[in-house]
Amino acid sequence: MRIAIVGAGRMGKWFAKFFLEQGLTVIASDKDYEKLRKIKEELSVEIADNVKAVKSADRIFVCVPIDHFEDAIKEISTHIRPGQEVMDICSVKETPVNIMHKYISNAVTLGTHPMFGPGAKSIKGQNFILTPTNVKEQALAKDFREWLESKGANVFFMTPQEHDRIMSIVLGLPYFLSYVVCDVLLSCRKFGKTKKVSGISYKLLLTLMEAVLSERIEFAENILMNLPEVDKLGELLLEKNKEWLGMIRRKNGITLINKMMLLKSKLAKMDPQYFGAYEYMYEMLNAIGKEKKNERTR
């Protein structure tokens, strides 16, 4: 099989390398010739412009950012022939899938979302989401899933709409929180000293923040602006923030502990593995809660 990688950025390069390792023929294309030169030097792949790459391929992987996606699909659409397969890897799915349906009618399209970044060493153990919307796409998705699973990936099917709602939580919320937390921390006078004396919980917070901020700003902007429910999650976060701040300001320890215990109970019911992971924390909260209640009854 001959695969065209349209877009020679970091993820395009990752997939070019991956497909080469599987014994497939790869031709890469990009508007930026410097990217093409580098990918050819590093991976020894064929390179061409978008049109030539598409014309010579059996399967087309479109690896361009969502803000350039429609232009790329428009450009290649008139050169796609029956029997070809066109997939995208955008982190948002409803808009790219609609764009492919709008411009491509003589080939099978499929929305995909690899849930990993260009730093992944292997596809083994990685999550991969496919979003077929009709019978032909279902057939392609089934074949592609079997192939991906044979390489060790975990593959999930969902609609583009369901994908975007879930990604609002899985991607949108962590990105939103990370930038807000960074804004808060950089507003603290002692931030420069905090990392030196931090414990595990603070280091975990900093690790998430630093990982998100290390991503390209354009990618983060696309996540926050294009996923459909980030604004609703932000509003919910504001409501919960006021609720928790109210308990702290009123110095209402009993209410605070009861809230913590309620969340612990709900989380344990939804996913029992959390209870084992945080058993010590739960025991401590229980002990504190009993002590507070005893103080109140004295």
Foldseek 3Di string as FASTA:
>chain_A
DEEEEEDLPLVSLLVQQVCVVVVYAYEYEYPDVVSVVVSCVVPVHHYDHLQVSQLVGQEYEYEDEPVCLLVSCQVNLVNHAARHEYEYAYLQFPVNVVSCVVRHDRYHYKYKHWPDGSVDPFQAATEMEIADDDDVRVVVVVVVVVVSVVRHHHYYYDHSLVSLQVCCVVPVVLLVVLVVVVVVLVVDPCSVVDVVPDDDVVVVSVVSSVVSVVDDPSSSCCSNVPRDCNVVVVVVVVVVVVVVVVCVVVVPVLVVLVVVVVVVVVVCVVPVVVCVVCVVVNVVSVVVNVVVVVVVVD
